[in-house]
Structures are given as structure tokens and as C-alpha cells.
């Protein structure tokens, strides 16, 4: 009966502390789309502006430059709006907040609580703009007016910071201003160019590029490092929100260490914009050496014929956001039953020959072995060559499914594997050695969405006791080679067939591990090390690998279940 809740359950719900309720909600939502959709519908019907009809400046900023509880509540309300897909409604609230901030004539220091909160909110605006693209609302005059108004408010805030006396204020919304302008360009390409973010061209960066000690060949690129920088953590403020300046500093540090290849996607927040602007500030001799890999991810039916013009425009859009050429464009497709993807691949590979200034090479993303083979055979029949250079997949000592079929299929067609998840969201580190199993959905565990995903993978692989045995073995081998446990886990992946590079998630401007990761290049696991790891990671006669393959399917299968 709809609406009925068991009496004892109702008593339980009424008396649970908030952290337990949040944990329970996450468990329920994880059960599938039906519960997730019911949850979002319920929230959308009940969200109420906590400060409706009030003077926002007086309520949120009664003392200029001081963060208040009302300000924190209001920002939480805005996050609830765009997270529940009420994105267009959230635009006016975001703009109202910026206006209230300006009217308060505030000041802040780089390390102040208010500045940190505004920086985090800039990351929220980036996520809201990504949500707006995913919702894909009607491109009417009202939406255009809202976006233009928000962009002008952000620009006014920038000018306020630049003109502030006696000292210039650190502008917290550089990333979000850039992202709003980009969405305006995507939705309304015929409108006159907006005032660029910032005045004039940003100064060129003076950077020396380090030399990676271990490289591989990918298509025409002869010396790529076997560790790529991964920017998926820019897709959500859950991993922290670095400022534009701190992100540039982090990127420069990575180049200095020799990590010159970056992996991103069209749906990783503002990742392409961040990297593109950074790349275009590099001296020519450095810019020509960096390598940008991004993605074209199709998550739903395209609703029209596959044409040369449509594919070309998709490539141009990624080039525009990157401010130049895409060295590797990786293609993800939502449904293998919709065979348009085969013709799209033909056209993409053709563009590497007709438009090399736009895109250099084409790869796949989260394709399983059957459809890697299907794509390669189709391309051979249509063009006389495979044309593809890579497939990006999950691969680690926990998720060894690629050893079942993918490595062999990739070798057959000459594809390199670019792997993610090789750190298991940070679980493959000494931090988790001799620790109890964290509660997946508890607030006290402080797990990110990514860590919850990988904890689930660990539980699919084996017990927490089994995982502790694996960490202990990795730790012993690490001590033997005088490296970290994480270095050993990554080296294990790098020594598997057809693996070109491991993608290392990078929390730009938040944390850095580039120096720790360099040790991977000087490490080589011997046969004894490999056997000791395999005995636990793969199981007797590969029983763990086989069990994962049978329960989850081949590489990437879990992502297609989500669409």
C-alpha cells in the first residue's frame, strides 16, 4: 500500500540520529534507479528557500567578510537544487548569492574561512553548469538571459576584487566564470563573444619539463610517460576544489616531474578548460611536448543519422575547450546494440588524416573485449587498418578482469591499455593496512563517492581479511624494494601485457603525490614478487579473476548498466 510505513520502522526513523539516516539513504539509493528516482522526486517537491522574501545581504552577510551559519545554509540549499536536477532554478539563486556578496562590500584573506567557502562554491557552480549540460534544457531566451546575468555578476565580482583597496582581493570565482561562459558558448554559439575571463591574455608560464624515465609508444607518439595525470576528480567538489591559480601551480609541478600526459573527459566538470588554458600559457617548446587525452562520451541515443559534419563538430567542440589539438580522443558508447558507433569510429579515424590539426589519434573507453574485436574488424573491413590505438579500462590487483580476454584481444589488434582504478581509490596504500573495514555509507568513514565504488569492488573480490592479507604482502614487497605499497600495486599493473600507462587521479590544487609516484619508474618486480601477489590477488588458478568476470561481466560492463 502506497504511503504505508510499518509502525516500528516509523519509530526507528523518528529516533535515528541524522548521520544514520544519511547512511541508510545511501544504502537505499544504491539499490537501483527506482529508489534513486523516488528519492529525488520526493526532495524536489519539498525544497524550500530558507530565506524567501528576506534581504539576502543583511541575512547572509550581517558582518562583511564573516562567514555566517545562514550563509552556509543558503549555499547548501543551492547545492540541493542543482543536485536534484533543478538546475535552471538554481541559476537565479546562484546569481542572487553573488549579488548579495557584492552588496555587502566584503573583504577576505586567502586563508580566511569566507574565502575557502567561496572557493568551494565556485566548484559547486562548475558542477551546476555540468548538470545543466546533462539536463540539456530548451535553449530559449529565458535560459540565455539567466546565464548572461550570472556571467555578468561573476565578472562584476572579479572587477570588485581587482579594484578593492587597500589591497586587491583574491578572486574566488575564476573557474566558475570560465565555465559559465563556456556553457553560454555551447548553448548559444551564434551570440556575440563574451568578455573573456580576465583582462588581456594571461602571462606565459616559465616551466622546465622533466623527463620521465620510463616511456611507451602510442600511435605516432614515441615517448609518453607510463603514468598519466587523471582529472576525473574535477568532476565533483567531493574531492576538494582547488583555485585556478593552485591548479596551475599543481600542473606546473607535474610537468617539472616529467608527467606530461593528461587524461580528462567532456563530463569531468571544467577539466578541459583548466588544462586548455594552462597548456596555452606554456612556452612553445614545452607546449609541443605535452599530451592531452580527452573523451567523447555518448550516454544516450543520438536521435539522428551519423554524418561527417556531426562527428566533425563533436571533435571541434573538444578542441575548442582544450584551446587546441586533441592528441588522443577516446570514444565511449552507451549501448552496443546501437551499431551507429561503428560508423562514428570510421569517421573519427578519417579525421585524424583529414584534420590532424584537430585530433591525432583515436582510442576507446570502457569497451569490452567482444566489442573491441567487433570495432577493429569493422574498421579493417572498411578502411584496411585498425586505426585505433588504445582502450581505457579499469585494471588493478583487485580488478584483474582484463587478464581474462582484454589483454589478448588488445595484443591481437595492437591496442595499448590505459588503466584507471589501479589505486582502488586510495585503498591500495599503507593507510588502510591493519585497519578495520570502513562502513561504506557512514559519514564518519569520510569516504568519497569514488572510494565507495572501489570499496564495493574490494567486497566483490573477497573479504576484508583477504584484502588485509594482500596489503600485507604488498607491504613486504615494498620494504624489499624500498618503495611504497602503492608503488608496488601500480608496478604490478604496468608489468601486465599490453598496458601502456596507468592513469593517476590528480586532485589539482588540493593534494600532490608526484614525487612519490616517480619511484614507480625505478621499480621492477621479479618473478617471486609477481607470484606472491598473484597468489592472493588472482586466487588459486585465477579463481578470483574468473569470479569477478562472471559476476560483473567484462571490462566496462558495470558502466553500461548505469545508463
Protein backbone atom coordinates (compact mmCIF):
# COMPACT_ATOMS: atom_id res chain seq x y z
CA UNK A 1 0.00 0.00 0.00
CA UNK A 2 1.48 3.34 -1.11
CA UNK A 3 2.25 5.64 1.81
CA UNK A 4 2.19 2.95 4.49
CA UNK A 5 5.23 2.65 6.76
CA UNK A 6 5.42 -0.13 9.32
CA UNK A 7 4.86 1.31 12.81
CA UNK A 8 8.13 0.02 14.22
CA UNK A 9 10.02 1.31 11.19
CA UNK A 10 8.39 4.69 11.70
CA UNK A 11 9.51 4.76 15.34
CA UNK A 12 13.00 3.79 14.27
CA UNK A 13 13.17 6.54 11.64
CA UNK A 14 11.85 9.11 14.11
CA UNK A 15 14.59 8.35 16.61
CA UNK A 16 17.64 7.79 14.44
CA UNK A 17 20.38 10.44 14.52
CA UNK A 18 20.91 12.32 11.19
CA UNK A 19 24.16 10.52 10.33
CA UNK A 20 22.38 7.15 10.48
CA UNK A 21 19.59 8.43 8.24
CA UNK A 22 22.13 9.66 5.67
CA UNK A 23 23.85 6.29 5.74
CA UNK A 24 20.52 4.48 5.30
CA UNK A 25 19.55 6.73 2.38
CA UNK A 26 22.82 6.00 0.59
CA UNK A 27 22.20 2.27 1.01
CA UNK A 28 18.68 2.57 -0.40
CA UNK A 29 19.70 4.76 -3.34
CA UNK A 30 22.47 2.33 -4.24
CA UNK A 31 19.87 -0.40 -4.80
CA UNK A 32 18.94 0.94 -8.23
CA UNK A 33 17.36 3.66 -10.33
CA UNK A 34 13.84 3.13 -8.95
CA UNK A 35 14.78 4.10 -5.40
CA UNK A 36 17.08 6.87 -6.62
CA UNK A 37 14.35 8.44 -8.74
CA UNK A 38 11.79 8.22 -5.93
CA UNK A 39 14.24 9.92 -3.58
CA UNK A 40 14.95 12.78 -6.00
CA UNK A 41 11.25 13.30 -6.76
CA UNK A 42 10.49 13.49 -3.05
CA UNK A 43 13.22 16.08 -2.47
CA UNK A 44 12.27 18.20 -5.47
CA UNK A 45 8.72 18.54 -4.14
CA UNK A 46 9.89 19.73 -0.73
CA UNK A 47 12.87 22.02 -1.28
CA UNK A 48 12.05 25.42 0.19
CA UNK A 49 14.18 28.55 0.07
CA UNK A 50 15.21 29.14 3.71
CA UNK A 51 15.44 32.90 3.15
CA UNK A 52 12.48 33.62 0.86
CA UNK A 53 11.40 37.27 0.89
CA UNK A 54 14.34 38.42 3.02
CA UNK A 55 17.14 40.84 2.23
CA UNK A 56 19.90 38.36 1.40
CA UNK A 57 22.73 40.79 2.04
CA UNK A 58 21.51 41.52 5.58
CA UNK A 59 20.79 37.85 6.33
CA UNK A 60 23.86 36.20 4.80
CA UNK A 61 26.46 38.91 5.43
CA UNK A 62 25.44 40.92 8.51
CA UNK A 63 29.13 41.48 9.15
CA UNK A 64 31.10 41.96 5.93
CA UNK A 65 33.79 39.33 5.45
CA UNK A 66 32.47 36.96 8.12
CA UNK A 67 31.01 33.54 7.25
CA UNK A 68 27.66 33.01 8.96
CA UNK A 69 25.50 29.96 9.62
CA UNK A 70 22.78 31.46 7.40
CA UNK A 71 25.28 31.75 4.55
CA UNK A 72 26.26 28.11 4.94
CA UNK A 73 22.57 27.06 4.99
CA UNK A 74 21.81 29.06 1.86
CA UNK A 75 24.69 27.51 -0.08
CA UNK A 76 23.52 24.04 1.00
CA UNK A 77 20.05 24.86 -0.38
CA UNK A 78 21.56 25.84 -3.74
CA UNK A 79 23.55 22.59 -3.86
CA UNK A 80 20.35 20.64 -3.23
CA UNK A 81 18.66 22.44 -6.14
CA UNK A 82 21.18 21.60 -8.85
CA UNK A 83 21.97 18.14 -7.42
CA UNK A 84 18.28 17.22 -7.76
CA UNK A 85 18.40 18.38 -11.41
CA UNK A 86 16.52 21.62 -10.68
CA UNK A 87 19.45 23.29 -12.35
CA UNK A 88 17.76 26.12 -14.19
CA UNK A 89 16.00 27.18 -11.00
CA UNK A 90 19.35 27.17 -9.18
CA UNK A 91 20.80 29.74 -11.60
CA UNK A 92 18.79 32.62 -10.17
CA UNK A 93 19.73 31.62 -6.62
CA UNK A 94 23.41 31.46 -7.55
CA UNK A 95 23.16 34.91 -9.11
CA UNK A 96 21.29 36.29 -6.08
CA UNK A 97 24.05 35.00 -3.82
CA UNK A 98 26.78 36.70 -5.87
CA UNK A 99 24.77 39.97 -5.84
CA UNK A 100 24.29 39.75 -2.07
CA UNK A 101 28.02 39.18 -1.64
CA UNK A 102 28.85 42.26 -3.71
CA UNK A 103 26.31 44.42 -1.88
CA UNK A 104 27.98 43.54 1.43
CA UNK A 105 31.28 45.11 0.27
CA UNK A 106 33.23 42.26 1.87
CA UNK A 107 36.93 41.64 2.18
CA UNK A 108 38.84 38.44 2.86
CA UNK A 109 42.29 36.99 3.04
CA UNK A 110 43.48 33.99 1.06
CA UNK A 111 43.33 31.76 4.15
CA UNK A 112 40.08 33.07 5.64
CA UNK A 113 37.04 30.87 6.22
CA UNK A 114 34.91 33.01 3.90
CA UNK A 115 37.44 32.77 1.07
CA UNK A 116 37.61 29.00 1.44
CA UNK A 117 33.82 28.77 1.34
CA UNK A 118 33.61 30.97 -1.76
CA UNK A 119 36.26 28.82 -3.45
CA UNK A 120 34.27 25.69 -2.66
CA UNK A 121 31.14 27.38 -4.01
CA UNK A 122 32.99 28.17 -7.23
CA UNK A 123 33.47 24.41 -7.56
CA UNK A 124 29.74 23.99 -6.94
CA UNK A 125 28.94 26.40 -9.78
CA UNK A 126 31.22 24.36 -12.07
CA UNK A 127 29.26 21.24 -11.12
CA UNK A 128 25.94 23.06 -11.63
CA UNK A 129 27.00 24.03 -15.15
CA UNK A 130 27.90 20.42 -15.89
CA UNK A 131 24.49 19.35 -14.56
CA UNK A 132 22.85 21.93 -16.84
CA UNK A 133 24.59 20.43 -19.87
CA UNK A 134 23.45 16.94 -18.86
CA UNK A 135 19.83 18.07 -18.36
CA UNK A 136 20.03 19.74 -21.80
CA UNK A 137 17.12 22.19 -21.31
CA UNK A 138 15.38 24.08 -24.14
CA UNK A 139 17.71 26.80 -25.41
CA UNK A 140 15.18 29.60 -25.04
CA UNK A 141 15.56 33.32 -24.35
CA UNK A 142 14.86 32.90 -20.63
CA UNK A 143 17.76 30.49 -20.11
CA UNK A 144 20.08 32.69 -22.16
CA UNK A 145 19.10 35.70 -20.06
CA UNK A 146 19.78 33.80 -16.83
CA UNK A 147 23.21 32.65 -17.97
CA UNK A 148 24.19 36.09 -19.25
CA UNK A 149 23.06 37.68 -15.99
CA UNK A 150 25.08 35.18 -13.94
CA UNK A 151 28.14 35.68 -16.10
CA UNK A 152 27.89 39.47 -15.70
CA UNK A 153 27.57 39.13 -11.91
CA UNK A 154 30.67 36.94 -11.75
CA UNK A 155 32.56 39.37 -13.95
CA UNK A 156 31.47 42.27 -11.71
CA UNK A 157 32.76 40.31 -8.72
CA UNK A 158 36.10 39.93 -10.50
CA UNK A 159 36.28 43.68 -11.11
CA UNK A 160 35.35 44.31 -7.46
CA UNK A 161 38.24 42.12 -6.32
CA UNK A 162 40.69 43.80 -8.70
CA UNK A 163 39.67 47.32 -7.59
CA UNK A 164 39.50 46.58 -3.85
CA UNK A 165 41.51 48.87 -1.59
CA UNK A 166 43.83 48.99 0.18
CA UNK A 167 44.66 45.52 -1.17
CA UNK A 168 43.42 43.57 -4.17
CA UNK A 169 41.28 40.58 -3.16
CA UNK A 170 41.97 37.05 -4.36
CA UNK A 171 39.16 36.37 -6.87
CA UNK A 172 37.46 33.07 -5.91
CA UNK A 173 35.27 32.54 -8.99
CA UNK A 174 37.74 32.30 -11.87
CA UNK A 175 36.89 28.65 -12.62
CA UNK A 176 33.14 29.17 -12.42
CA UNK A 177 33.18 32.34 -14.55
CA UNK A 178 35.06 30.44 -17.22
CA UNK A 179 32.62 27.51 -17.02
CA UNK A 180 29.52 29.73 -17.27
CA UNK A 181 30.97 31.45 -20.34
CA UNK A 182 31.68 28.04 -21.87
CA UNK A 183 28.10 26.82 -21.35
CA UNK A 184 26.82 30.01 -22.95
CA UNK A 185 29.03 29.32 -25.96
CA UNK A 186 27.78 25.72 -26.22
CA UNK A 187 24.09 26.59 -25.87
CA UNK A 188 24.14 29.81 -27.89
CA UNK A 189 27.03 29.55 -30.39
CA UNK A 190 25.75 32.42 -32.54
CA UNK A 191 25.72 35.01 -29.79
CA UNK A 192 28.42 37.68 -29.75
CA UNK A 193 31.59 36.69 -27.94
CA UNK A 194 31.50 37.37 -24.22
CA UNK A 195 34.13 39.40 -22.47
CA UNK A 196 36.91 36.92 -21.81
CA UNK A 197 37.58 35.81 -18.27
CA UNK A 198 40.19 38.22 -17.02
CA UNK A 199 41.59 41.22 -18.83
CA UNK A 200 44.01 40.52 -21.64
CA UNK A 201 45.98 37.34 -22.18
CA UNK A 202 47.33 35.65 -19.05
CA UNK A 203 51.12 35.77 -18.77
CA UNK A 204 53.17 32.94 -20.23
CA UNK A 205 54.41 30.41 -17.69
CA UNK A 206 58.12 29.76 -17.32
CA UNK A 207 58.37 25.99 -16.93
CA UNK A 208 61.04 23.39 -17.48
CA UNK A 209 59.72 19.96 -18.33
CA UNK A 210 61.14 16.89 -16.62
CA UNK A 211 62.00 13.66 -18.39
CA UNK A 212 60.11 10.51 -17.44
CA UNK A 213 62.49 7.58 -17.08
CA UNK A 214 60.02 5.03 -18.46
CA UNK A 215 58.00 5.67 -21.61
CA UNK A 216 55.90 3.86 -24.20
CA UNK A 217 54.73 4.43 -27.77
CA UNK A 218 51.13 5.29 -28.63
CA UNK A 219 50.48 5.69 -32.34
CA UNK A 220 52.84 8.41 -33.60
CA UNK A 221 53.83 9.48 -30.08
CA UNK A 222 57.15 7.84 -29.27
CA UNK A 223 57.94 8.76 -25.66
CA UNK A 224 54.89 9.09 -23.43
CA UNK A 225 55.32 8.55 -19.68
CA UNK A 226 53.79 5.35 -18.33
CA UNK A 227 51.88 7.36 -15.74
CA UNK A 228 49.17 9.78 -16.95
CA UNK A 229 47.61 12.54 -14.86
CA UNK A 230 43.89 11.83 -14.45
CA UNK A 231 41.44 14.69 -13.96
CA UNK A 232 38.19 12.84 -13.14
CA UNK A 233 38.32 14.34 -9.65
CA UNK A 234 37.48 17.73 -11.17
CA UNK A 235 34.01 16.35 -11.90
CA UNK A 236 32.87 16.92 -8.31
CA UNK A 237 33.79 19.15 -5.33
CA UNK A 238 33.64 15.95 -3.23
CA UNK A 239 37.42 15.67 -3.74
CA UNK A 240 38.02 19.32 -2.84
CA UNK A 241 38.00 22.42 -5.01
CA UNK A 242 41.33 23.99 -5.86
CA UNK A 243 41.52 27.56 -7.11
CA UNK A 244 42.56 28.30 -10.69
CA UNK A 245 45.97 29.52 -9.52
CA UNK A 246 46.59 26.50 -7.29
CA UNK A 247 45.60 24.21 -10.17
CA UNK A 248 48.08 25.91 -12.50
CA UNK A 249 50.79 25.54 -9.85
CA UNK A 250 49.98 21.83 -9.48
CA UNK A 251 50.05 21.29 -13.26
CA UNK A 252 53.42 23.04 -13.50
CA UNK A 253 54.76 20.81 -10.72
CA UNK A 254 53.61 17.71 -12.60
CA UNK A 255 55.36 18.87 -15.78
CA UNK A 256 58.53 19.56 -13.82
CA UNK A 257 58.40 15.95 -12.62
CA UNK A 258 58.02 14.67 -16.19
CA UNK A 259 54.29 13.85 -16.10
CA UNK A 260 53.40 15.48 -19.40
CA UNK A 261 50.30 13.44 -20.35
CA UNK A 262 46.83 14.27 -19.03
CA UNK A 263 43.56 12.34 -19.27
CA UNK A 264 40.18 14.04 -18.97
CA UNK A 265 36.65 13.94 -20.40
CA UNK A 266 33.89 16.16 -21.69
CA UNK A 267 31.91 15.50 -18.49
CA UNK A 268 34.70 16.00 -15.92
CA UNK A 269 33.45 19.43 -14.88
CA UNK A 270 35.83 22.08 -16.22
CA UNK A 271 38.81 19.74 -16.71
CA UNK A 272 39.23 20.51 -20.42
CA UNK A 273 39.04 24.25 -19.77
CA UNK A 274 41.53 24.07 -16.89
CA UNK A 275 44.06 22.10 -18.90
CA UNK A 276 43.47 24.01 -22.12
CA UNK A 277 44.10 27.39 -20.55
CA UNK A 278 47.19 26.06 -18.78
CA UNK A 279 48.56 24.48 -21.97
CA UNK A 280 48.15 27.71 -23.91
CA UNK A 281 50.27 29.58 -21.36
CA UNK A 282 53.23 27.26 -21.89
CA UNK A 283 56.29 28.27 -23.93
CA UNK A 284 56.11 26.75 -27.45
CA UNK A 285 58.96 24.32 -26.80
CA UNK A 286 57.09 22.94 -23.77
CA UNK A 287 53.57 23.13 -25.22
CA UNK A 288 54.61 20.93 -28.15
CA UNK A 289 55.64 18.15 -25.76
CA UNK A 290 52.52 17.87 -23.59
CA UNK A 291 49.86 15.32 -24.43
CA UNK A 292 46.11 15.90 -23.98
CA UNK A 293 43.78 12.90 -23.94
CA UNK A 294 40.06 13.55 -23.61
CA UNK A 295 36.83 11.72 -24.38
CA UNK A 296 33.67 11.86 -26.39
CA UNK A 297 31.12 10.04 -24.26
CA UNK A 298 27.72 9.24 -25.75
CA UNK A 299 25.34 8.20 -22.96
CA UNK A 300 22.01 8.10 -24.84
CA UNK A 301 20.56 7.63 -28.36
CA UNK A 302 21.75 10.32 -30.76
CA UNK A 303 18.37 10.64 -32.48
CA UNK A 304 19.67 11.33 -35.99
CA UNK A 305 21.90 9.97 -38.73
CA UNK A 306 25.65 9.81 -38.31
CA UNK A 307 27.07 12.48 -40.63
CA UNK A 308 30.56 13.76 -41.32
CA UNK A 309 29.51 17.23 -40.16
CA UNK A 310 28.12 15.99 -36.84
CA UNK A 311 31.25 14.00 -35.99
CA UNK A 312 33.49 16.89 -37.02
CA UNK A 313 31.55 19.31 -34.81
CA UNK A 314 31.91 16.95 -31.84
CA UNK A 315 35.68 16.91 -32.32
CA UNK A 316 35.83 20.68 -32.78
CA UNK A 317 33.93 21.18 -29.52
CA UNK A 318 36.60 19.31 -27.58
CA UNK A 319 39.35 21.21 -29.38
CA UNK A 320 37.67 24.50 -28.51
CA UNK A 321 37.53 23.64 -24.80
CA UNK A 322 41.14 22.47 -24.88
CA UNK A 323 42.23 25.51 -26.85
CA UNK A 324 43.98 23.35 -29.43
CA UNK A 325 44.61 19.86 -30.71
CA UNK A 326 43.42 16.67 -29.01
CA UNK A 327 46.29 14.21 -29.07
CA UNK A 328 44.04 11.27 -28.12
CA UNK A 329 40.25 11.26 -28.39
CA UNK A 330 38.73 8.28 -26.55
CA UNK A 331 35.22 7.20 -27.53
CA UNK A 332 32.62 5.78 -25.11
CA UNK A 333 29.30 4.39 -26.36
CA UNK A 334 26.22 3.69 -24.24
CA UNK A 335 24.74 0.57 -25.94
CA UNK A 336 26.50 -2.00 -28.12
CA UNK A 337 23.14 -2.87 -29.67
CA UNK A 338 23.02 0.57 -31.30
CA UNK A 339 25.51 -0.01 -34.11
CA UNK A 340 25.92 3.63 -35.14
CA UNK A 341 29.09 3.65 -33.07
CA UNK A 342 30.91 1.63 -35.73
CA UNK A 343 30.39 4.27 -38.40
CA UNK A 344 31.29 7.01 -35.91
CA UNK A 345 34.64 5.30 -35.35
CA UNK A 346 35.26 5.17 -39.11
CA UNK A 347 34.63 8.90 -39.36
CA UNK A 348 36.74 9.71 -36.30
CA UNK A 349 39.74 7.84 -37.66
CA UNK A 350 39.27 9.55 -41.01
CA UNK A 351 39.50 12.92 -39.23
CA UNK A 352 42.97 12.05 -37.89
CA UNK A 353 44.09 12.06 -41.54
CA UNK A 354 42.00 14.93 -42.93
CA UNK A 355 42.20 17.19 -39.86
CA UNK A 356 45.43 16.31 -37.99
CA UNK A 357 45.47 19.82 -36.54
CA UNK A 358 42.32 18.87 -34.58
CA UNK A 359 42.88 15.27 -33.50
CA UNK A 360 45.89 12.97 -33.69
CA UNK A 361 44.70 9.53 -32.58
CA UNK A 362 41.50 7.69 -31.63
CA UNK A 363 41.00 5.26 -28.76
CA UNK A 364 38.16 3.52 -26.98
CA UNK A 365 36.91 3.92 -23.42
CA UNK A 366 35.37 1.11 -21.36
CA UNK A 367 34.81 -1.18 -24.33
CA UNK A 368 34.67 -4.90 -23.56
CA UNK A 369 36.79 -7.43 -25.43
CA UNK A 370 33.97 -8.67 -27.70
CA UNK A 371 33.22 -5.17 -28.95
CA UNK A 372 36.86 -4.14 -29.19
CA UNK A 373 37.16 -7.03 -31.62
CA UNK A 374 33.94 -6.04 -33.40
CA UNK A 375 35.15 -2.46 -33.81
CA UNK A 376 38.60 -3.48 -35.02
CA UNK A 377 37.23 -5.98 -37.55
CA UNK A 378 34.72 -3.43 -38.84
CA UNK A 379 37.45 -0.83 -39.26
CA UNK A 380 39.67 -3.34 -41.05
CA UNK A 381 36.85 -4.17 -43.46
CA UNK A 382 36.01 -0.53 -44.13
CA UNK A 383 39.42 1.15 -44.10
CA UNK A 384 42.01 -1.62 -44.37
CA UNK A 385 43.51 -0.76 -40.98
CA UNK A 386 42.52 -0.92 -37.31
CA UNK A 387 43.23 2.77 -36.79
CA UNK A 388 42.52 2.63 -33.04
CA UNK A 389 45.45 2.96 -30.63
CA UNK A 390 44.05 2.31 -27.14
CA UNK A 391 41.26 1.27 -24.80
CA UNK A 392 40.85 2.83 -21.37
CA UNK A 393 39.69 0.32 -18.75
CA UNK A 394 39.75 -0.44 -15.04
CA UNK A 395 42.68 -2.66 -14.01
CA UNK A 396 44.23 -3.34 -10.61
CA UNK A 397 45.36 -6.11 -8.28
CA UNK A 398 41.70 -6.16 -7.18
CA UNK A 399 40.03 -5.90 -10.59
CA UNK A 400 42.07 -8.23 -12.80
CA UNK A 401 39.27 -8.91 -15.31
CA UNK A 402 41.39 -7.64 -18.25
CA UNK A 403 43.57 -10.75 -17.86
CA UNK A 404 40.64 -12.93 -18.93
CA UNK A 405 40.28 -11.63 -22.51
CA UNK A 406 41.13 -7.96 -22.89
CA UNK A 407 44.93 -8.24 -22.83
CA UNK A 408 44.88 -10.92 -25.54
CA UNK A 409 42.40 -9.06 -27.76
CA UNK A 410 44.39 -5.84 -27.39
CA UNK A 411 47.59 -7.64 -28.37
CA UNK A 412 45.87 -9.12 -31.44
CA UNK A 413 44.91 -5.68 -32.76
CA UNK A 414 47.87 -3.69 -31.44
CA UNK A 415 45.97 -1.61 -28.86
CA UNK A 416 47.56 -0.22 -25.71
CA UNK A 417 45.60 -0.34 -22.46
CA UNK A 418 45.32 2.86 -20.43
CA UNK A 419 44.19 1.84 -16.96
CA UNK A 420 42.31 3.63 -14.21
CA UNK A 421 41.25 2.43 -10.77
CA UNK A 422 44.74 0.99 -10.31
CA UNK A 423 44.96 2.68 -6.87
CA UNK A 424 41.44 1.49 -5.96
CA UNK A 425 40.52 5.00 -4.85
CA UNK A 426 43.47 5.08 -2.45
CA UNK A 427 42.66 1.78 -0.72
CA UNK A 428 45.87 0.27 -2.11
CA UNK A 429 48.04 2.21 0.32
CA UNK A 430 49.61 1.77 3.75
CA UNK A 431 46.88 4.00 5.19
CA UNK A 432 44.49 1.02 5.10
CA UNK A 433 46.94 -1.61 6.34
CA UNK A 434 45.78 -3.15 9.65
CA UNK A 435 42.60 -1.07 9.61
CA UNK A 436 39.04 -2.25 10.17
CA UNK A 437 36.52 -2.40 7.34
CA UNK A 438 35.04 1.11 6.98
CA UNK A 439 31.27 1.44 6.89
CA UNK A 440 30.60 2.29 3.25
CA UNK A 441 27.85 4.87 3.76
CA UNK A 442 28.71 6.27 7.17
CA UNK A 443 29.62 9.94 7.46
CA UNK A 444 32.31 9.03 10.00
CA UNK A 445 34.17 6.98 7.37
CA UNK A 446 34.71 10.12 5.25
CA UNK A 447 34.69 8.10 2.03
CA UNK A 448 34.38 9.90 -1.30
CA UNK A 449 31.95 8.58 -3.95
CA UNK A 450 34.95 7.07 -5.72
CA UNK A 451 36.13 5.28 -2.58
CA UNK A 452 32.67 3.82 -2.02
CA UNK A 453 32.78 2.45 -5.55
CA UNK A 454 36.17 0.82 -5.01
CA UNK A 455 35.24 -0.49 -1.58
CA UNK A 456 32.36 -2.22 -3.33
CA UNK A 457 34.84 -3.69 -5.82
CA UNK A 458 37.00 -4.97 -2.96
CA UNK A 459 33.96 -6.64 -1.40
CA UNK A 460 33.13 -8.25 -4.76
CA UNK A 461 36.72 -9.52 -4.96
CA UNK A 462 36.93 -11.04 -1.47
CA UNK A 463 36.63 -10.43 2.26
CA UNK A 464 38.25 -7.54 4.15
CA UNK A 465 40.56 -10.10 5.80
CA UNK A 466 41.64 -11.23 2.33
CA UNK A 467 42.27 -7.60 1.41
CA UNK A 468 44.41 -7.13 4.52
CA UNK A 469 46.48 -10.18 3.51
CA UNK A 470 47.01 -8.61 0.10
CA UNK A 471 48.04 -5.27 1.62
CA UNK A 472 50.41 -7.08 3.97
CA UNK A 473 52.04 -8.92 1.06
CA UNK A 474 52.34 -5.69 -0.96
CA UNK A 475 53.90 -4.03 2.09
CA UNK A 476 56.55 -6.76 2.45
CA UNK A 477 57.48 -6.44 -1.22
CA UNK A 478 57.57 -2.64 -0.86
CA UNK A 479 60.03 -2.90 2.03
CA UNK A 480 62.18 -5.24 -0.05
CA UNK A 481 62.44 -2.66 -2.85
CA UNK A 482 62.39 0.41 -0.55
CA UNK A 483 59.31 1.88 -2.17
CA UNK A 484 55.69 2.37 -1.09
CA UNK A 485 52.95 -0.23 -1.05
CA UNK A 486 51.13 1.84 -3.67
CA UNK A 487 54.20 1.82 -5.94
CA UNK A 488 54.15 -1.99 -5.89
CA UNK A 489 50.43 -2.14 -6.73
CA UNK A 490 50.94 0.19 -9.71
CA UNK A 491 54.06 -1.63 -10.91
CA UNK A 492 52.10 -4.89 -10.94
CA UNK A 493 49.64 -3.37 -13.43
CA UNK A 494 52.40 -1.83 -15.56
CA UNK A 495 54.04 -5.24 -15.97
CA UNK A 496 50.89 -6.84 -17.38
CA UNK A 497 50.57 -7.45 -21.15
CA UNK A 498 49.52 -4.51 -23.36
CA UNK A 499 49.39 -1.99 -20.51
CA UNK A 500 50.79 1.27 -21.83
CA UNK A 501 50.13 3.58 -18.90
CA UNK A 502 48.36 3.83 -15.56
CA UNK A 503 46.19 6.92 -15.05
CA UNK A 504 46.79 8.52 -11.65
CA UNK A 505 43.92 10.57 -10.26
CA UNK A 506 45.15 14.08 -9.52
CA UNK A 507 43.39 16.41 -7.06
CA UNK A 508 44.70 19.56 -8.71
CA UNK A 509 45.41 22.31 -6.22
CA UNK A 510 44.33 20.14 -3.27
CA UNK A 511 46.96 17.40 -2.80
CA UNK A 512 50.05 16.25 -4.69
CA UNK A 513 51.88 12.89 -4.88
CA UNK A 514 54.06 13.38 -7.95
CA UNK A 515 57.36 12.71 -6.18
CA UNK A 516 56.03 9.51 -4.58
CA UNK A 517 54.80 8.27 -7.95
CA UNK A 518 58.18 8.80 -9.63
CA UNK A 519 59.53 5.81 -7.69
CA UNK A 520 57.38 3.51 -9.87
CA UNK A 521 59.71 4.14 -12.82
CA UNK A 522 62.73 2.72 -10.97
CA UNK A 523 60.91 -0.35 -9.66
CA UNK A 524 60.85 -3.77 -11.31
CA UNK A 525 59.02 -6.67 -9.72
CA UNK A 526 60.78 -10.02 -10.06
CA UNK A 527 59.09 -13.36 -10.69
CA UNK A 528 58.95 -14.12 -6.97
CA UNK A 529 57.19 -10.80 -6.30
CA UNK A 530 54.67 -11.36 -9.09
CA UNK A 531 53.84 -14.89 -7.92
CA UNK A 532 53.38 -13.75 -4.32
CA UNK A 533 50.95 -11.03 -5.41
CA UNK A 534 49.14 -13.23 -7.94
CA UNK A 535 48.56 -15.99 -5.39
CA UNK A 536 46.38 -13.60 -3.37
CA UNK A 537 45.14 -11.12 -5.99
CA UNK A 538 44.15 -13.63 -8.67
CA UNK A 539 43.50 -16.60 -6.41
CA UNK A 540 44.22 -20.28 -6.95
CA UNK A 541 44.08 -20.96 -10.70
CA UNK A 542 42.80 -17.40 -11.22
CA UNK A 543 39.60 -18.16 -9.31
CA UNK A 544 39.15 -14.56 -8.10
CA UNK A 545 39.62 -13.15 -11.60
CA UNK A 546 37.16 -15.64 -13.07
CA UNK A 547 34.59 -14.99 -10.33
CA UNK A 548 34.75 -11.21 -10.90
CA UNK A 549 34.46 -11.67 -14.65
CA UNK A 550 31.40 -13.88 -14.23
CA UNK A 551 29.66 -11.65 -11.67
CA UNK A 552 30.41 -8.21 -13.15
CA UNK A 553 30.95 -9.05 -16.79
CA UNK A 554 33.84 -7.89 -18.94
CA UNK A 555 35.57 -4.51 -18.69
CA UNK A 556 33.19 -1.55 -18.66
CA UNK A 557 30.04 -3.63 -18.33
CA UNK A 558 29.15 -2.05 -14.98
CA UNK A 559 29.01 1.42 -16.56
CA UNK A 560 26.56 0.43 -19.28
CA UNK A 561 24.23 -0.91 -16.61
CA UNK A 562 24.07 2.65 -15.26
CA UNK A 563 22.78 4.27 -18.48
